[in-house]
C-alpha atoms as a PDB file:
ATOM      1  CA  MET A   1      11.470   5.544  35.125  1.00  0.00           C
ATOM      2  CA  CYS A   2      14.189   3.600  36.900  1.00  0.00           C
ATOM      3  CA  GLU A   3      15.386   4.606  40.325  1.00  0.00           C
ATOM      4  CA  PHE A   4      18.836   4.993  41.800  1.00  0.00           C
ATOM      5  CA  VAL A   5      20.485   2.469  42.223  1.00  0.00           C
ATOM      6  CA  SER A   6      20.083   0.586  38.943  1.00  0.00           C
ATOM      7  CA  TRP A   7      22.414  -1.873  37.285  1.00  0.00           C
ATOM      8  CA  ILE A   8      22.358  -4.712  34.782  1.00  0.00           C
ATOM      9  CA  GLU A   9      23.681  -8.186  35.526  1.00  0.00           C
ATOM     10  CA  HIS A  10      25.033 -10.229  32.638  1.00  0.00           C
ATOM     11  CA  ASP A  11      27.259 -13.318  32.740  1.00  0.00           C
ATOM     12  CA  GLY A  12      28.148 -12.659  36.387  1.00  0.00           C
ATOM     13  CA  GLU A  13      29.226  -9.102  35.696  1.00  0.00           C
ATOM     14  CA  LEU A  14      27.614  -5.861  36.896  1.00  0.00           C
ATOM     15  CA  PHE A  15      27.066  -3.019  34.449  1.00  0.00           C
ATOM     16  CA  TYR A  16      26.313   0.383  35.989  1.00  0.00           C
ATOM     17  CA  LEU A  17      27.302   4.010  35.732  1.00  0.00           C
ATOM     18  CA  ASP A  18      29.512   5.864  38.174  1.00  0.00           C
ATOM     19  CA  ASN A  19      31.486   9.113  38.185  1.00  0.00           C
ATOM     20  CA  ASP A  20      34.538   7.492  36.614  1.00  0.00           C
ATOM     21  CA  LYS A  21      32.538   6.085  33.697  1.00  0.00           C
ATOM     22  CA  LEU A  22      30.798   9.410  33.121  1.00  0.00           C
ATOM     23  CA  ASP A  23      34.179  11.138  33.027  1.00  0.00           C
ATOM     24  CA  THR A  24      35.144   9.351  29.806  1.00  0.00           C
ATOM     25  CA  LYS A  25      34.540  10.212  26.173  1.00  0.00           C
ATOM     26  CA  ASP A  26      31.582   7.795  26.052  1.00  0.00           C
ATOM     27  CA  GLY A  27      30.289   9.048  29.406  1.00  0.00           C
ATOM     28  CA  ARG A  28      30.375  12.678  28.325  1.00  0.00           C
ATOM     29  CA  ALA A  29      28.622  11.717  25.083  1.00  0.00           C
ATOM     30  CA  LEU A  30      25.915   9.978  27.125  1.00  0.00           C
ATOM     31  CA  VAL A  31      25.434  13.029  29.357  1.00  0.00           C
ATOM     32  CA  LYS A  32      25.224  15.276  26.293  1.00  0.00           C
ATOM     33  CA  TYR A  33      22.701  12.936  24.666  1.00  0.00           C
ATOM     34  CA  LEU A  34      20.518  12.913  27.792  1.00  0.00           C
ATOM     35  CA  LYS A  35      20.734  16.705  28.158  1.00  0.00           C
ATOM     36  CA  ASP A  36      19.895  17.236  24.493  1.00  0.00           C
ATOM     37  CA  ASN A  37      16.858  14.992  24.885  1.00  0.00           C
ATOM     38  CA  ASN A  38      15.768  16.631  28.132  1.00  0.00           C
ATOM     39  CA  SER A  39      16.091  13.327  29.959  1.00  0.00           C
ATOM     40  CA  LEU A  40      19.026  13.886  32.288  1.00  0.00           C
ATOM     41  CA  LYS A  41      16.907  12.525  35.138  1.00  0.00           C
ATOM     42  CA  ASP A  42      17.118   9.134  33.401  1.00  0.00           C
ATOM     43  CA  MET A  43      20.874   8.995  34.050  1.00  0.00           C
ATOM     44  CA  CYS A  44      20.321   6.448  36.801  1.00  0.00           C
ATOM     45  CA  GLY A  45      18.200   4.163  34.621  1.00  0.00           C
ATOM     46  CA  HIS A  46      18.712   0.999  32.665  1.00  0.00           C
ATOM     47  CA  GLY A  47      18.304   2.775  29.317  1.00  0.00           C
ATOM     48  CA  ALA A  48      21.278   5.026  30.056  1.00  0.00           C
ATOM     49  CA  ILE A  49      23.294   2.023  31.225  1.00  0.00           C
ATOM     50  CA  ARG A  50      22.459   0.112  28.033  1.00  0.00           C
ATOM     51  CA  ARG A  51      23.371   3.137  25.914  1.00  0.00           C
ATOM     52  CA  TYR A  52      26.762   3.332  27.642  1.00  0.00           C
ATOM     53  CA  TYR A  53      27.317  -0.429  27.219  1.00  0.00           C
ATOM     54  CA  PRO A  54      26.178  -1.184  23.663  1.00  0.00           C
ATOM     55  CA  GLU A  55      27.838  -4.597  23.915  1.00  0.00           C
ATOM     56  CA  LEU A  56      24.911  -5.741  26.088  1.00  0.00           C
ATOM     57  CA  LYS A  57      22.619  -5.573  23.039  1.00  0.00           C
ATOM     58  CA  GLY A  58      19.504  -6.139  25.133  1.00  0.00           C
ATOM     59  CA  ARG A  59      21.023  -8.991  27.147  1.00  0.00           C
ATOM     60  CA  GLY A  60      21.264  -9.119  30.910  1.00  0.00           C
ATOM     61  CA  SER A  61      18.827  -8.626  33.760  1.00  0.00           C
ATOM     62  CA  ASP A  62      17.762  -5.199  34.918  1.00  0.00           C
ATOM     63  CA  ARG A  63      18.249  -4.797  38.659  1.00  0.00           C
ATOM     64  CA  GLU A  64      17.271  -1.960  40.960  1.00  0.00           C
ATOM     65  CA  VAL A  65      17.295  -1.291  44.711  1.00  0.00           C
ATOM     66  CA  VAL A  66      15.733   1.690  46.452  1.00  0.00           C
ATOM     67  CA  ASP A  67      15.962   0.432  50.047  1.00  0.00           C
ATOM     68  CA  PHE A  68      18.982   2.214  51.529  1.00  0.00           C
ATOM     69  CA  SER A  69      18.442   0.891  55.046  1.00  0.00           C
ATOM     70  CA  SER A  70      21.462  -1.397  54.734  1.00  0.00           C
ATOM     71  CA  PRO A  71      24.475  -1.655  52.436  1.00  0.00           C
ATOM     72  CA  ASP A  72      23.701  -5.381  52.332  1.00  0.00           C
ATOM     73  CA  ASN A  73      20.788  -4.599  49.998  1.00  0.00           C
ATOM     74  CA  PHE A  74      23.270  -3.803  47.213  1.00  0.00           C
ATOM     75  CA  PRO A  75      25.967  -5.767  45.469  1.00  0.00           C
ATOM     76  CA  PRO A  76      29.211  -5.126  47.416  1.00  0.00           C
ATOM     77  CA  GLU A  77      30.839  -3.485  44.378  1.00  0.00           C
ATOM     78  CA  ILE A  78      28.045  -0.901  44.129  1.00  0.00           C
ATOM     79  CA  ALA A  79      27.785  -0.396  47.910  1.00  0.00           C
ATOM     80  CA  LYS A  80      31.503   0.437  47.933  1.00  0.00           C
ATOM     81  CA  LYS A  81      31.059   2.995  45.124  1.00  0.00           C
ATOM     82  CA  ILE A  82      28.157   4.640  46.978  1.00  0.00           C
ATOM     83  CA  LYS A  83      30.177   4.867  50.206  1.00  0.00           C
ATOM     84  CA  GLN A  84      33.109   6.363  48.302  1.00  0.00           C
ATOM     85  CA  GLY A  85      30.825   9.000  46.779  1.00  0.00           C
ATOM     86  CA  LYS A  86      31.537   7.714  43.287  1.00  0.00           C
ATOM     87  CA  MET A  87      27.875   7.548  42.248  1.00  0.00           C
ATOM     88  CA  SER A  88      27.080  11.239  42.817  1.00  0.00           C
ATOM     89  CA  GLU A  89      27.116  12.222  39.138  1.00  0.00           C
ATOM     90  CA  VAL A  90      24.646   9.460  38.301  1.00  0.00           C
ATOM     91  CA  ILE A  91      21.871  10.766  40.530  1.00  0.00           C
ATOM     92  CA  PHE A  92      22.381  14.525  40.077  1.00  0.00           C
ATOM     93  CA  GLU A  93      19.580  16.354  41.911  1.00  0.00           C
ATOM     94  CA  ASN A  94      17.561  13.206  42.588  1.00  0.00           C
ATOM     95  CA  ILE A  95      19.442  12.212  45.731  1.00  0.00           C
ATOM     96  CA  PRO A  96      17.555   9.522  47.620  1.00  0.00           C
ATOM     97  CA  LEU A  97      17.268  10.792  51.173  1.00  0.00           C
ATOM     98  CA  GLY A  98      17.669   7.180  52.251  1.00  0.00           C
ATOM     99  CA  LEU A  99      21.381   7.615  51.555  1.00  0.00           C
ATOM    100  CA  LEU A 100      21.585  10.044  54.458  1.00  0.00           C
ATOM    101  CA  ASN A 101      21.345   9.430  58.181  1.00  0.00           C
ATOM    102  CA  ASP A 102      18.908  11.492  60.276  1.00  0.00           C
ATOM    103  CA  LEU A 103      21.442  14.276  60.821  1.00  0.00           C
ATOM    104  CA  GLY A 104      22.187  14.339  57.094  1.00  0.00           C
ATOM    105  CA  VAL A 105      18.483  14.542  56.210  1.00  0.00           C
ATOM    106  CA  LYS A 106      17.977  17.463  58.618  1.00  0.00           C
ATOM    107  CA  GLU A 107      21.008  19.288  57.203  1.00  0.00           C
ATOM    108  CA  TYR A 108      19.845  18.618  53.632  1.00  0.00           C
ATOM    109  CA  GLN A 109      16.363  19.940  54.393  1.00  0.00           C
ATOM    110  CA  LYS A 110      17.815  23.036  56.095  1.00  0.00           C
ATOM    111  CA  ILE A 111      20.008  23.794  53.076  1.00  0.00           C
ATOM    112  CA  GLU A 112      17.169  23.038  50.666  1.00  0.00           C
ATOM    113  CA  GLN A 113      14.841  25.442  52.501  1.00  0.00           C
ATOM    114  CA  GLN A 114      17.481  28.190  52.507  1.00  0.00           C
ATOM    115  CA  ALA A 115      18.199  27.665  48.828  1.00  0.00           C
ATOM    116  CA  TYR A 116      14.485  27.737  47.964  1.00  0.00           C
ATOM    117  CA  ALA A 117      13.969  30.950  49.952  1.00  0.00           C
ATOM    118  CA  GLU A 118      16.902  32.547  48.107  1.00  0.00           C
ATOM    119  CA  TYR A 119      15.513  31.331  44.781  1.00  0.00           C
ATOM    120  CA  GLN A 120      12.092  32.835  45.581  1.00  0.00           C
ATOM    121  CA  LYS A 121      13.701  36.151  46.534  1.00  0.00           C
ATOM    122  CA  ILE A 122      15.681  36.332  43.284  1.00  0.00           C
ATOM    123  CA  ARG A 123      12.677  35.169  41.278  1.00  0.00           C
ATOM    124  CA  GLN A 124      10.457  37.855  42.750  1.00  0.00           C
ATOM    125  CA  GLN A 125      13.036  40.539  41.996  1.00  0.00           C
ATOM    126  CA  ALA A 126      13.444  39.321  38.434  1.00  0.00           C
ATOM    127  CA  LEU A 127       9.686  39.090  37.923  1.00  0.00           C
ATOM    128  CA  ALA A 128       9.181  42.651  39.208  1.00  0.00           C
ATOM    129  CA  GLU A 129      11.885  43.924  36.839  1.00  0.00           C
ATOM    130  CA  TYR A 130      10.349  42.010  33.945  1.00  0.00           C
ATOM    131  CA  GLN A 131       6.886  43.412  34.645  1.00  0.00           C
ATOM    132  CA  LYS A 132       8.288  46.943  34.840  1.00  0.00           C
ATOM    133  CA  ILE A 133      10.007  46.559  31.453  1.00  0.00           C
ATOM    134  CA  GLU A 134       6.961  44.867  29.965  1.00  0.00           C
ATOM    135  CA  GLN A 135       4.698  47.730  31.071  1.00  0.00           C
ATOM    136  CA  GLN A 136       7.089  50.318  29.649  1.00  0.00           C
ATOM    137  CA  ALA A 137       7.329  48.444  26.358  1.00  0.00           C
ATOM    138  CA  TYR A 138       3.558  48.065  26.118  1.00  0.00           C
ATOM    139  CA  ALA A 139       3.020  51.759  26.829  1.00  0.00           C
ATOM    140  CA  GLU A 140       5.540  52.611  24.109  1.00  0.00           C
ATOM    141  CA  TYR A 141       3.791  50.212  21.735  1.00  0.00           C
ATOM    142  CA  GLN A 142       0.401  51.812  22.395  1.00  0.00           C
ATOM    143  CA  LYS A 143       1.880  55.269  21.865  1.00  0.00           C
ATOM    144  CA  ILE A 144       3.323  54.253  18.475  1.00  0.00           C
ATOM    145  CA  GLU A 145       0.130  52.470  17.478  1.00  0.00           C
ATOM    146  CA  GLN A 146      -1.966  55.539  18.241  1.00  0.00           C
ATOM    147  CA  GLN A 147       0.328  57.717  16.153  1.00  0.00           C
ATOM    148  CA  ALA A 148       0.031  55.320  13.236  1.00  0.00           C
END
């Protein structure tokens, strides 16, 4: 699987996905296709880029950078989009922590821990309710089966 940030270079041009491209008819169709195929995590990959740009027809060079230590590691056009927050829809929940400074990483981890604790609390409540209903239904089933 490709990593964020991926792009394709062809004839001196960069082909990549950003929020603006995903907010088009073709972009929405791509998102729907990926959701329907349970592969939304591949949004940042070359396959999704090629699907959005059918004119590439297999041409161009796949490029990818995962070292966020410096904006200089990226083509200026893509670095600008990242800084402007215009690549957020491409990465969805797979945010590379390298995009964040130390303070941002700490804040992200704090929020993630709080969200996970809340999820566990809700999950436990839902599971307890499910088990209660399941036990009642099974007892009713056994009662009917015995009568039959």
